[in-house]
C-alpha atoms as a PDB file:
ATOM      1  CA  MET A   1      35.872 -33.407  24.579  1.00  0.00           C
ATOM      2  CA  PRO A   2      38.739 -31.001  25.551  1.00  0.00           C
ATOM      3  CA  ARG A   3      38.404 -27.476  25.394  1.00  0.00           C
ATOM      4  CA  THR A   4      39.992 -26.922  21.848  1.00  0.00           C
ATOM      5  CA  ALA A   5      38.324 -29.606  20.414  1.00  0.00           C
ATOM      6  CA  ILE A   6      35.015 -27.961  21.234  1.00  0.00           C
ATOM      7  CA  ALA A   7      36.357 -24.819  19.585  1.00  0.00           C
ATOM      8  CA  ALA A   8      37.038 -26.423  16.866  1.00  0.00           C
ATOM      9  CA  THR A   9      33.810 -27.281  16.524  1.00  0.00           C
ATOM     10  CA  ALA A  10      32.312 -24.276  17.435  1.00  0.00           C
ATOM     11  CA  ARG A  11      33.800 -22.691  14.332  1.00  0.00           C
ATOM     12  CA  ARG A  12      32.026 -24.929  12.073  1.00  0.00           C
ATOM     13  CA  SER A  13      28.468 -24.826  13.655  1.00  0.00           C
ATOM     14  CA  GLU A  14      25.936 -21.973  12.692  1.00  0.00           C
ATOM     15  CA  MET A  15      24.117 -20.293  14.532  1.00  0.00           C
ATOM     16  CA  ASP A  16      21.057 -18.551  14.065  1.00  0.00           C
ATOM     17  CA  GLY A  17      23.083 -15.985  12.231  1.00  0.00           C
ATOM     18  CA  THR A  18      24.828 -13.887  15.034  1.00  0.00           C
ATOM     19  CA  SER A  19      21.349 -13.000  16.742  1.00  0.00           C
ATOM     20  CA  ILE A  20      20.867 -14.566  20.756  1.00  0.00           C
ATOM     21  CA  GLY A  21      18.316 -13.918  23.081  1.00  0.00           C
ATOM     22  CA  PHE A  22      19.220 -12.603  26.547  1.00  0.00           C
ATOM     23  CA  VAL A  23      16.818 -12.674  29.330  1.00  0.00           C
ATOM     24  CA  GLY A  24      17.940 -10.847  33.104  1.00  0.00           C
ATOM     25  CA  THR A  25      19.609  -7.816  32.681  1.00  0.00           C
ATOM     26  CA  GLY A  26      20.798  -7.441  36.622  1.00  0.00           C
ATOM     27  CA  PRO A  27      24.117  -6.214  38.209  1.00  0.00           C
ATOM     28  CA  MET A  28      26.019  -9.688  36.167  1.00  0.00           C
ATOM     29  CA  GLY A  29      23.370  -9.647  33.283  1.00  0.00           C
ATOM     30  CA  ALA A  30      24.055  -6.383  31.997  1.00  0.00           C
ATOM     31  CA  PRO A  31      27.343  -6.177  31.580  1.00  0.00           C
ATOM     32  CA  MET A  32      27.594  -9.806  29.901  1.00  0.00           C
ATOM     33  CA  ALA A  33      24.521  -8.401  27.247  1.00  0.00           C
ATOM     34  CA  ARG A  34      26.952  -5.865  26.622  1.00  0.00           C
ATOM     35  CA  ASN A  35      30.293  -7.633  26.022  1.00  0.00           C
ATOM     36  CA  LEU A  36      28.175 -10.018  23.328  1.00  0.00           C
ATOM     37  CA  LEU A  37      26.918  -6.965  21.591  1.00  0.00           C
ATOM     38  CA  ALA A  38      30.722  -5.892  21.886  1.00  0.00           C
ATOM     39  CA  ALA A  39      31.385  -9.448  20.287  1.00  0.00           C
ATOM     40  CA  GLY A  40      29.409  -8.868  17.363  1.00  0.00           C
ATOM     41  CA  PHE A  41      26.211 -10.617  18.239  1.00  0.00           C
ATOM     42  CA  ASP A  42      22.897  -9.267  17.949  1.00  0.00           C
ATOM     43  CA  VAL A  43      21.397  -9.508  20.928  1.00  0.00           C
ATOM     44  CA  ALA A  44      17.285  -9.275  21.554  1.00  0.00           C
ATOM     45  CA  LEU A  45      17.267  -8.721  25.794  1.00  0.00           C
ATOM     46  CA  TRP A  46      14.176  -8.550  28.307  1.00  0.00           C
ATOM     47  CA  ASN A  47      13.907  -7.994  31.563  1.00  0.00           C
ATOM     48  CA  ARG A  48      10.807  -7.872  34.306  1.00  0.00           C
ATOM     49  CA  THR A  49      11.751  -4.318  34.822  1.00  0.00           C
ATOM     50  CA  PRO A  50      12.227  -2.601  31.185  1.00  0.00           C
ATOM     51  CA  GLU A  51      14.059   0.005  32.055  1.00  0.00           C
ATOM     52  CA  LYS A  52      17.137  -2.067  33.063  1.00  0.00           C
ATOM     53  CA  ALA A  53      17.103  -3.963  29.660  1.00  0.00           C
ATOM     54  CA  GLU A  54      16.707  -0.764  27.912  1.00  0.00           C
ATOM     55  CA  ALA A  55      19.821   0.599  29.462  1.00  0.00           C
ATOM     56  CA  VAL A  56      21.947  -2.081  27.589  1.00  0.00           C
ATOM     57  CA  ALA A  57      20.078  -1.143  24.572  1.00  0.00           C
ATOM     58  CA  GLU A  58      20.905   2.458  24.544  1.00  0.00           C
ATOM     59  CA  GLY A  59      23.173   3.734  21.857  1.00  0.00           C
ATOM     60  CA  GLU A  60      23.419  -0.046  20.461  1.00  0.00           C
ATOM     61  CA  SER A  61      22.102  -0.644  16.736  1.00  0.00           C
ATOM     62  CA  ARG A  62      22.564  -4.313  17.857  1.00  0.00           C
ATOM     63  CA  ALA A  63      20.508  -4.371  20.478  1.00  0.00           C
ATOM     64  CA  THR A  64      16.301  -4.523  21.105  1.00  0.00           C
ATOM     65  CA  VAL A  65      14.256  -4.127  23.803  1.00  0.00           C
ATOM     66  CA  ALA A  66      11.215  -7.273  24.106  1.00  0.00           C
ATOM     67  CA  ALA A  67       8.152  -6.874  25.479  1.00  0.00           C
ATOM     68  CA  THR A  68       7.733 -10.446  26.463  1.00  0.00           C
ATOM     69  CA  PRO A  69      10.316 -13.422  27.032  1.00  0.00           C
ATOM     70  CA  ALA A  70       9.042 -14.767  23.947  1.00  0.00           C
ATOM     71  CA  GLU A  71       9.746 -12.322  21.683  1.00  0.00           C
ATOM     72  CA  VAL A  72      13.474 -12.759  22.712  1.00  0.00           C
ATOM     73  CA  ALA A  73      12.985 -16.902  21.042  1.00  0.00           C
ATOM     74  CA  ARG A  74      16.104 -17.501  19.525  1.00  0.00           C
ATOM     75  CA  SER A  75      18.138 -20.810  18.384  1.00  0.00           C
ATOM     76  CA  VAL A  76      20.547 -19.737  21.470  1.00  0.00           C
ATOM     77  CA  VAL A  77      18.709 -18.265  24.848  1.00  0.00           C
ATOM     78  CA  VAL A  78      20.773 -17.274  27.809  1.00  0.00           C
ATOM     79  CA  VAL A  79      19.418 -16.670  30.588  1.00  0.00           C
ATOM     80  CA  MET A  80      20.955 -14.586  33.846  1.00  0.00           C
ATOM     81  CA  LEU A  81      17.864 -14.966  37.034  1.00  0.00           C
ATOM     82  CA  PRO A  82      18.670 -15.785  40.491  1.00  0.00           C
ATOM     83  CA  ASP A  83      17.350 -19.029  40.585  1.00  0.00           C
ATOM     84  CA  LEU A  84      15.428 -22.009  38.759  1.00  0.00           C
ATOM     85  CA  PRO A  85      12.042 -21.411  39.458  1.00  0.00           C
ATOM     86  CA  GLN A  86      12.525 -18.091  37.836  1.00  0.00           C
ATOM     87  CA  VAL A  87      14.196 -19.423  35.085  1.00  0.00           C
ATOM     88  CA  ARG A  88      11.157 -21.662  34.601  1.00  0.00           C
ATOM     89  CA  ASP A  89       8.748 -19.427  34.829  1.00  0.00           C
ATOM     90  CA  VAL A  90      10.412 -17.428  31.356  1.00  0.00           C
ATOM     91  CA  VAL A  91      10.304 -20.562  29.444  1.00  0.00           C
ATOM     92  CA  ASP A  92       6.799 -21.915  30.469  1.00  0.00           C
ATOM     93  CA  ARG A  93       4.816 -18.734  31.390  1.00  0.00           C
ATOM     94  CA  PRO A  94       1.955 -18.154  28.359  1.00  0.00           C
ATOM     95  CA  ASP A  95       4.280 -15.441  26.875  1.00  0.00           C
ATOM     96  CA  GLY A  96       7.281 -17.181  27.548  1.00  0.00           C
ATOM     97  CA  LEU A  97       9.805 -18.478  25.699  1.00  0.00           C
ATOM     98  CA  ARG A  98       8.551 -21.664  25.448  1.00  0.00           C
ATOM     99  CA  ALA A  99       5.637 -20.214  23.093  1.00  0.00           C
ATOM    100  CA  GLY A 100       7.993 -18.263  21.445  1.00  0.00           C
ATOM    101  CA  TRP A 101      10.101 -20.863  19.928  1.00  0.00           C
ATOM    102  CA  ARG A 102       7.394 -22.332  18.730  1.00  0.00           C
ATOM    103  CA  ALA A 103       5.732 -19.457  17.023  1.00  0.00           C
ATOM    104  CA  ALA A 104       9.098 -18.872  15.226  1.00  0.00           C
ATOM    105  CA  GLY A 105       9.645 -22.288  14.357  1.00  0.00           C
ATOM    106  CA  VAL A 106      13.234 -22.664  16.105  1.00  0.00           C
ATOM    107  CA  ALA A 107      13.772 -26.411  16.061  1.00  0.00           C
ATOM    108  CA  ASP A 108      16.058 -27.566  18.839  1.00  0.00           C
ATOM    109  CA  PRO A 109      17.096 -24.293  20.507  1.00  0.00           C
ATOM    110  CA  VAL A 110      19.607 -24.104  22.888  1.00  0.00           C
ATOM    111  CA  LEU A 111      18.498 -22.563  26.740  1.00  0.00           C
ATOM    112  CA  VAL A 112      21.425 -21.183  28.232  1.00  0.00           C
ATOM    113  CA  VAL A 113      21.142 -21.298  32.173  1.00  0.00           C
ATOM    114  CA  MET A 114      23.849 -19.078  33.539  1.00  0.00           C
ATOM    115  CA  SER A 115      22.514 -18.782  37.066  1.00  0.00           C
ATOM    116  CA  THR A 116      23.672 -20.322  40.079  1.00  0.00           C
ATOM    117  CA  VAL A 117      21.479 -23.181  40.672  1.00  0.00           C
ATOM    118  CA  SER A 118      20.503 -26.657  41.871  1.00  0.00           C
ATOM    119  CA  PRO A 119      22.553 -28.924  40.278  1.00  0.00           C
ATOM    120  CA  VAL A 120      20.099 -31.691  40.378  1.00  0.00           C
ATOM    121  CA  GLU A 121      16.920 -29.963  39.843  1.00  0.00           C
ATOM    122  CA  VAL A 122      18.975 -28.317  36.103  1.00  0.00           C
ATOM    123  CA  ALA A 123      19.923 -32.034  35.659  1.00  0.00           C
ATOM    124  CA  ALA A 124      16.448 -33.052  35.693  1.00  0.00           C
ATOM    125  CA  TRP A 125      14.814 -30.061  34.564  1.00  0.00           C
ATOM    126  CA  ALA A 126      16.988 -30.744  31.397  1.00  0.00           C
ATOM    127  CA  ARG A 127      15.600 -33.834  30.908  1.00  0.00           C
ATOM    128  CA  GLU A 128      12.266 -32.909  30.682  1.00  0.00           C
ATOM    129  CA  LEU A 129      12.849 -30.060  28.345  1.00  0.00           C
ATOM    130  CA  ALA A 130      14.642 -32.681  25.995  1.00  0.00           C
ATOM    131  CA  ALA A 131      11.256 -34.551  25.536  1.00  0.00           C
ATOM    132  CA  ASP A 132       9.927 -31.564  24.079  1.00  0.00           C
ATOM    133  CA  GLY A 133      13.062 -30.977  21.472  1.00  0.00           C
ATOM    134  CA  ILE A 134      14.333 -28.033  23.685  1.00  0.00           C
ATOM    135  CA  ARG A 135      18.820 -28.488  24.556  1.00  0.00           C
ATOM    136  CA  LEU A 136      19.472 -27.180  28.247  1.00  0.00           C
ATOM    137  CA  VAL A 137      23.385 -25.887  29.109  1.00  0.00           C
ATOM    138  CA  ASP A 138      24.180 -25.095  32.611  1.00  0.00           C
ATOM    139  CA  ALA A 139      27.012 -22.681  32.775  1.00  0.00           C
ATOM    140  CA  PRO A 140      27.230 -20.687  35.949  1.00  0.00           C
ATOM    141  CA  VAL A 141      30.004 -18.235  36.242  1.00  0.00           C
ATOM    142  CA  SER A 142      32.530 -16.974  38.991  1.00  0.00           C
ATOM    143  CA  GLY A 143      33.814 -13.393  38.870  1.00  0.00           C
ATOM    144  CA  GLY A 144      31.818 -11.216  40.196  1.00  0.00           C
ATOM    145  CA  VAL A 145      30.211  -7.818  38.589  1.00  0.00           C
ATOM    146  CA  GLU A 146      34.001  -6.840  37.949  1.00  0.00           C
ATOM    147  CA  GLY A 147      34.669  -9.854  35.839  1.00  0.00           C
ATOM    148  CA  ALA A 148      31.499  -9.906  34.191  1.00  0.00           C
ATOM    149  CA  VAL A 149      32.225  -6.299  33.281  1.00  0.00           C
ATOM    150  CA  ALA A 150      35.568  -6.962  31.997  1.00  0.00           C
ATOM    151  CA  GLY A 151      34.455 -10.160  30.557  1.00  0.00           C
ATOM    152  CA  SER A 152      36.753 -11.995  32.415  1.00  0.00           C
ATOM    153  CA  LEU A 153      34.639 -14.569  33.883  1.00  0.00           C
ATOM    154  CA  SER A 154      35.093 -17.931  34.730  1.00  0.00           C
ATOM    155  CA  ILE A 155      32.265 -20.364  32.992  1.00  0.00           C
ATOM    156  CA  MET A 156      31.963 -23.865  34.125  1.00  0.00           C
ATOM    157  CA  ALA A 157      29.787 -25.836  31.796  1.00  0.00           C
ATOM    158  CA  GLY A 158      27.734 -29.040  31.760  1.00  0.00           C
ATOM    159  CA  GLY A 159      25.624 -30.663  28.583  1.00  0.00           C
ATOM    160  CA  ALA A 160      26.290 -32.135  25.448  1.00  0.00           C
ATOM    161  CA  ASP A 161      29.328 -32.026  23.427  1.00  0.00           C
ATOM    162  CA  HIS A 162      27.463 -30.659  20.595  1.00  0.00           C
ATOM    163  CA  ASP A 163      25.325 -28.511  22.330  1.00  0.00           C
ATOM    164  CA  LEU A 164      28.395 -27.058  24.024  1.00  0.00           C
ATOM    165  CA  ALA A 165      30.043 -26.560  20.585  1.00  0.00           C
ATOM    166  CA  ALA A 166      27.131 -24.994  19.561  1.00  0.00           C
ATOM    167  CA  VAL A 167      27.118 -22.231  22.202  1.00  0.00           C
ATOM    168  CA  LEU A 168      31.091 -21.687  22.392  1.00  0.00           C
ATOM    169  CA  PRO A 169      31.086 -18.753  20.988  1.00  0.00           C
ATOM    170  CA  VAL A 170      28.458 -17.029  22.987  1.00  0.00           C
ATOM    171  CA  LEU A 171      30.132 -18.266  26.634  1.00  0.00           C
ATOM    172  CA  GLU A 172      33.818 -16.731  25.300  1.00  0.00           C
ATOM    173  CA  ALA A 173      32.663 -13.434  24.736  1.00  0.00           C
ATOM    174  CA  MET A 174      31.608 -12.989  28.485  1.00  0.00           C
ATOM    175  CA  GLY A 175      34.724 -15.133  30.072  1.00  0.00           C
ATOM    176  CA  SER A 176      38.178 -15.890  29.773  1.00  0.00           C
ATOM    177  CA  THR A 177      37.875 -19.088  31.400  1.00  0.00           C
ATOM    178  CA  VAL A 178      35.537 -21.852  29.780  1.00  0.00           C
ATOM    179  CA  ARG A 179      35.427 -25.099  30.768  1.00  0.00           C
ATOM    180  CA  HIS A 180      32.972 -28.115  29.834  1.00  0.00           C
ATOM    181  CA  LEU A 181      33.021 -30.236  33.018  1.00  0.00           C
ATOM    182  CA  GLY A 182      30.528 -32.983  31.655  1.00  0.00           C
ATOM    183  CA  ALA A 183      26.657 -33.935  31.208  1.00  0.00           C
ATOM    184  CA  VAL A 184      24.253 -30.871  31.991  1.00  0.00           C
ATOM    185  CA  GLY A 185      24.188 -30.561  36.111  1.00  0.00           C
ATOM    186  CA  ALA A 186      28.146 -30.377  35.720  1.00  0.00           C
ATOM    187  CA  GLY A 187      28.679 -27.063  35.422  1.00  0.00           C
ATOM    188  CA  SER A 188      26.317 -26.348  38.888  1.00  0.00           C
ATOM    189  CA  LEU A 189      27.839 -28.847  40.936  1.00  0.00           C
ATOM    190  CA  THR A 190      31.582 -27.550  40.042  1.00  0.00           C
ATOM    191  CA  LYS A 191      29.648 -23.690  41.114  1.00  0.00           C
ATOM    192  CA  THR A 192      28.146 -25.358  44.185  1.00  0.00           C
ATOM    193  CA  CYS A 193      32.029 -26.532  44.484  1.00  0.00           C
ATOM    194  CA  ASN A 194      33.225 -22.788  44.196  1.00  0.00           C
ATOM    195  CA  GLN A 195      30.567 -21.182  46.607  1.00  0.00           C
ATOM    196  CA  ILE A 196      31.619 -23.219  49.592  1.00  0.00           C
ATOM    197  CA  VAL A 197      34.762 -21.899  49.126  1.00  0.00           C
ATOM    198  CA  VAL A 198      33.849 -18.962  48.812  1.00  0.00           C
ATOM    199  CA  GLY A 199      31.328 -19.427  51.890  1.00  0.00           C
ATOM    200  CA  GLY A 200      33.885 -20.356  53.987  1.00  0.00           C
ATOM    201  CA  THR A 201      36.580 -18.306  52.901  1.00  0.00           C
ATOM    202  CA  LEU A 202      34.670 -15.222  53.974  1.00  0.00           C
ATOM    203  CA  ASN A 203      33.389 -16.879  57.101  1.00  0.00           C
ATOM    204  CA  ALA A 204      37.272 -17.423  58.230  1.00  0.00           C
ATOM    205  CA  LEU A 205      38.171 -13.662  57.128  1.00  0.00           C
ATOM    206  CA  ALA A 206      35.227 -12.400  59.224  1.00  0.00           C
ATOM    207  CA  GLU A 207      36.993 -13.829  62.148  1.00  0.00           C
ATOM    208  CA  ALA A 208      40.293 -12.749  61.290  1.00  0.00           C
ATOM    209  CA  VAL A 209      39.624  -9.475  60.528  1.00  0.00           C
ATOM    210  CA  ALA A 210      37.339  -8.835  63.930  1.00  0.00           C
ATOM    211  CA  ILE A 211      40.436 -10.771  65.523  1.00  0.00           C
ATOM    212  CA  ALA A 212      42.566  -8.497  63.909  1.00  0.00           C
ATOM    213  CA  GLN A 213      40.468  -4.958  64.908  1.00  0.00           C
ATOM    214  CA  SER A 214      40.136  -6.462  68.401  1.00  0.00           C
ATOM    215  CA  GLY A 215      43.634  -6.742  68.957  1.00  0.00           C
ATOM    216  CA  GLY A 216      44.384  -3.252  67.841  1.00  0.00           C
ATOM    217  CA  LEU A 217      46.472  -4.500  64.752  1.00  0.00           C
ATOM    218  CA  ASP A 218      46.536  -2.051  61.528  1.00  0.00           C
ATOM    219  CA  LEU A 219      44.467  -3.819  59.519  1.00  0.00           C
ATOM    220  CA  ALA A 220      45.261  -2.333  56.199  1.00  0.00           C
ATOM    221  CA  THR A 221      48.847  -3.721  57.161  1.00  0.00           C
ATOM    222  CA  VAL A 222      47.477  -7.133  58.009  1.00  0.00           C
ATOM    223  CA  LEU A 223      45.388  -7.790  55.037  1.00  0.00           C
ATOM    224  CA  GLU A 224      48.767  -6.479  52.751  1.00  0.00           C
ATOM    225  CA  VAL A 225      50.624  -9.132  54.983  1.00  0.00           C
ATOM    226  CA  LEU A 226      47.603 -12.094  54.182  1.00  0.00           C
ATOM    227  CA  CYS A 227      47.536 -10.901  50.947  1.00  0.00           C
ATOM    228  CA  ALA A 228      51.185 -11.497  50.235  1.00  0.00           C
ATOM    229  CA  GLY A 229      51.280 -15.320  52.179  1.00  0.00           C
ATOM    230  CA  LEU A 230      49.249 -18.309  52.151  1.00  0.00           C
ATOM    231  CA  ALA A 231      46.172 -16.916  52.886  1.00  0.00           C
ATOM    232  CA  GLY A 232      46.515 -14.963  50.212  1.00  0.00           C
ATOM    233  CA  SER A 233      43.661 -15.641  47.707  1.00  0.00           C
ATOM    234  CA  GLN A 234      40.977 -13.866  45.129  1.00  0.00           C
ATOM    235  CA  VAL A 235      38.134 -13.335  47.654  1.00  0.00           C
ATOM    236  CA  LEU A 236      40.651 -11.488  49.945  1.00  0.00           C
ATOM    237  CA  THR A 237      41.807  -9.352  47.290  1.00  0.00           C
ATOM    238  CA  ASP A 238      38.715  -8.682  46.072  1.00  0.00           C
ATOM    239  CA  LYS A 239      37.104  -7.846  49.467  1.00  0.00           C
ATOM    240  CA  SER A 240      39.997  -6.026  51.398  1.00  0.00           C
ATOM    241  CA  ARG A 241      38.278  -2.798  50.628  1.00  0.00           C
ATOM    242  CA  ARG A 242      35.486  -3.452  52.423  1.00  0.00           C
ATOM    243  CA  TYR A 243      37.069  -4.499  55.056  1.00  0.00           C
ATOM    244  CA  LEU A 244      38.499  -0.988  55.262  1.00  0.00           C
ATOM    245  CA  SER A 245      35.838   0.943  54.745  1.00  0.00           C
ATOM    246  CA  GLY A 246      33.077  -0.870  56.057  1.00  0.00           C
ATOM    247  CA  ASP A 247      31.105  -0.192  52.834  1.00  0.00           C
ATOM    248  CA  TYR A 248      28.893  -3.445  52.244  1.00  0.00           C
ATOM    249  CA  ALA A 249      26.497  -2.167  49.833  1.00  0.00           C
ATOM    250  CA  ASP A 250      25.492  -3.780  46.405  1.00  0.00           C
ATOM    251  CA  GLY A 251      28.164  -7.019  45.871  1.00  0.00           C
ATOM    252  CA  ALA A 252      27.143  -9.954  46.037  1.00  0.00           C
ATOM    253  CA  ALA A 253      23.947 -11.063  48.086  1.00  0.00           C
ATOM    254  CA  CYS A 254      24.135 -12.507  51.193  1.00  0.00           C
ATOM    255  CA  ARG A 255      20.683 -14.139  50.413  1.00  0.00           C
ATOM    256  CA  THR A 256      22.507 -15.485  47.531  1.00  0.00           C
ATOM    257  CA  GLN A 257      25.485 -16.749  49.362  1.00  0.00           C
ATOM    258  CA  LEU A 258      22.875 -18.641  51.430  1.00  0.00           C
ATOM    259  CA  LYS A 259      20.990 -19.965  48.839  1.00  0.00           C
ATOM    260  CA  ASP A 260      24.767 -21.528  46.689  1.00  0.00           C
ATOM    261  CA  LEU A 261      25.262 -22.914  50.252  1.00  0.00           C
ATOM    262  CA  GLU A 262      21.882 -24.781  51.152  1.00  0.00           C
ATOM    263  CA  PHE A 263      22.985 -26.282  47.533  1.00  0.00           C
ATOM    264  CA  GLY A 264      26.401 -27.415  48.695  1.00  0.00           C
ATOM    265  CA  LEU A 265      24.618 -28.668  51.755  1.00  0.00           C
ATOM    266  CA  ALA A 266      21.948 -30.744  49.489  1.00  0.00           C
ATOM    267  CA  VAL A 267      24.447 -32.438  47.392  1.00  0.00           C
ATOM    268  CA  GLY A 268      26.853 -33.157  50.379  1.00  0.00           C
ATOM    269  CA  ARG A 269      23.809 -35.047  52.210  1.00  0.00           C
ATOM    270  CA  ARG A 270      22.981 -36.901  48.434  1.00  0.00           C
ATOM    271  CA  LEU A 271      26.662 -37.941  47.948  1.00  0.00           C
ATOM    272  CA  GLY A 272      27.520 -38.363  51.804  1.00  0.00           C
ATOM    273  CA  VAL A 273      30.102 -35.962  52.601  1.00  0.00           C
ATOM    274  CA  ASP A 274      30.817 -34.116  55.809  1.00  0.00           C
ATOM    275  CA  THR A 275      29.836 -30.357  55.213  1.00  0.00           C
ATOM    276  CA  ALA A 276      30.143 -29.552  58.920  1.00  0.00           C
ATOM    277  CA  LEU A 277      31.976 -26.168  57.697  1.00  0.00           C
ATOM    278  CA  THR A 278      29.425 -25.613  55.017  1.00  0.00           C
ATOM    279  CA  ALA A 279      26.727 -25.836  57.896  1.00  0.00           C
ATOM    280  CA  VAL A 280      28.314 -23.022  60.091  1.00  0.00           C
ATOM    281  CA  ALA A 281      29.222 -20.669  57.123  1.00  0.00           C
ATOM    282  CA  ARG A 282      25.099 -20.853  56.001  1.00  0.00           C
ATOM    283  CA  ASP A 283      23.924 -20.462  59.444  1.00  0.00           C
ATOM    284  CA  ARG A 284      25.597 -17.272  59.760  1.00  0.00           C
ATOM    285  CA  TYR A 285      24.298 -16.439  56.115  1.00  0.00           C
ATOM    286  CA  GLN A 286      20.481 -17.197  57.628  1.00  0.00           C
ATOM    287  CA  ARG A 287      21.560 -15.050  60.830  1.00  0.00           C
ATOM    288  CA  MET A 288      22.659 -12.035  57.722  1.00  0.00           C
ATOM    289  CA  VAL A 289      18.938 -12.568  56.403  1.00  0.00           C
ATOM    290  CA  ASP A 290      17.680 -12.794  59.873  1.00  0.00           C
ATOM    291  CA  ARG A 291      18.510  -9.645  61.025  1.00  0.00           C
ATOM    292  CA  GLY A 292      17.505  -7.989  57.384  1.00  0.00           C
ATOM    293  CA  ASP A 293      21.203  -7.472  55.553  1.00  0.00           C
ATOM    294  CA  ALA A 294      20.337 -10.221  52.995  1.00  0.00           C
ATOM    295  CA  GLU A 295      21.242  -7.539  50.115  1.00  0.00           C
ATOM    296  CA  LEU A 296      24.502  -6.382  51.786  1.00  0.00           C
ATOM    297  CA  ASP A 297      27.744  -7.963  50.020  1.00  0.00           C
ATOM    298  CA  HIS A 298      28.508 -11.331  51.681  1.00  0.00           C
ATOM    299  CA  SER A 299      31.289 -11.011  52.916  1.00  0.00           C
ATOM    300  CA  ALA A 300      29.145  -8.130  55.620  1.00  0.00           C
ATOM    301  CA  VAL A 301      28.732 -11.843  57.044  1.00  0.00           C
ATOM    302  CA  ILE A 302      31.382 -10.022  59.664  1.00  0.00           C
ATOM    303  CA  ARG A 303      28.525  -8.202  60.921  1.00  0.00           C
ATOM    304  CA  VAL A 304      27.368 -11.503  62.817  1.00  0.00           C
ATOM    305  CA  VAL A 305      31.344 -12.173  64.178  1.00  0.00           C
ATOM    306  CA  VAL A 306      31.318  -8.949  66.201  1.00  0.00           C
END
């Protein structure tokens, strides 16, 4: 369904008032939840570390902090966690979302998985959940923490048309580009494509930056020229300051990039696509993790190039 048609349907749909649940208030989830509050939603928050949820809720009359995932069970629940095993745990644990939906009598809830997960595994899980009346939309994002703060994320959604219609206002509060790619799993497959490009680009940039520095060039000038030419990209624009400062703290973790590239290799094998370049990028991120740099920003892969 075209996005305009989804939007029209969404305006006619009735969510559970304007109250939604939100699980996972980490570096990405916290600003995403704040944008939902700013858009006028009542948001029930849960995070494994309560202090992080409390920081989001501070001073916000529309926000509540739950003691368990069950307490955030609403007709729409957004989850922003590292990977699918953590999402499944939040749903199925004794005090999880499934128990909360059952206790509150919520019929046909929609679970919006905004984490970057395996497209194959999330589609299989969606079929399991559907048998219990739980609808799943996979809606991973691109844009990093900066995009999450600005509410300008690119959101890649997979799911049934009517499920996308039900949650579109929620997604539009967090992103400036929301696209429906197909059935459940299509959003995650698109994010896998995104991460293949990001991982490959960062490895190419690492080699280029290392050559420029080793060749005695002024790196700031080189990066300026690259940004202005065909080599320019959002990745280069966003990461240039890190190459210049050598500060790779925080950001998108190398361990996460490694996980995402593993998804890409698995999908490539499944579809019969040669992913040799992705394998090189994966191997370098594995080296980053093995040397203890798992939490550094993924642009820090330059450290295993020089």
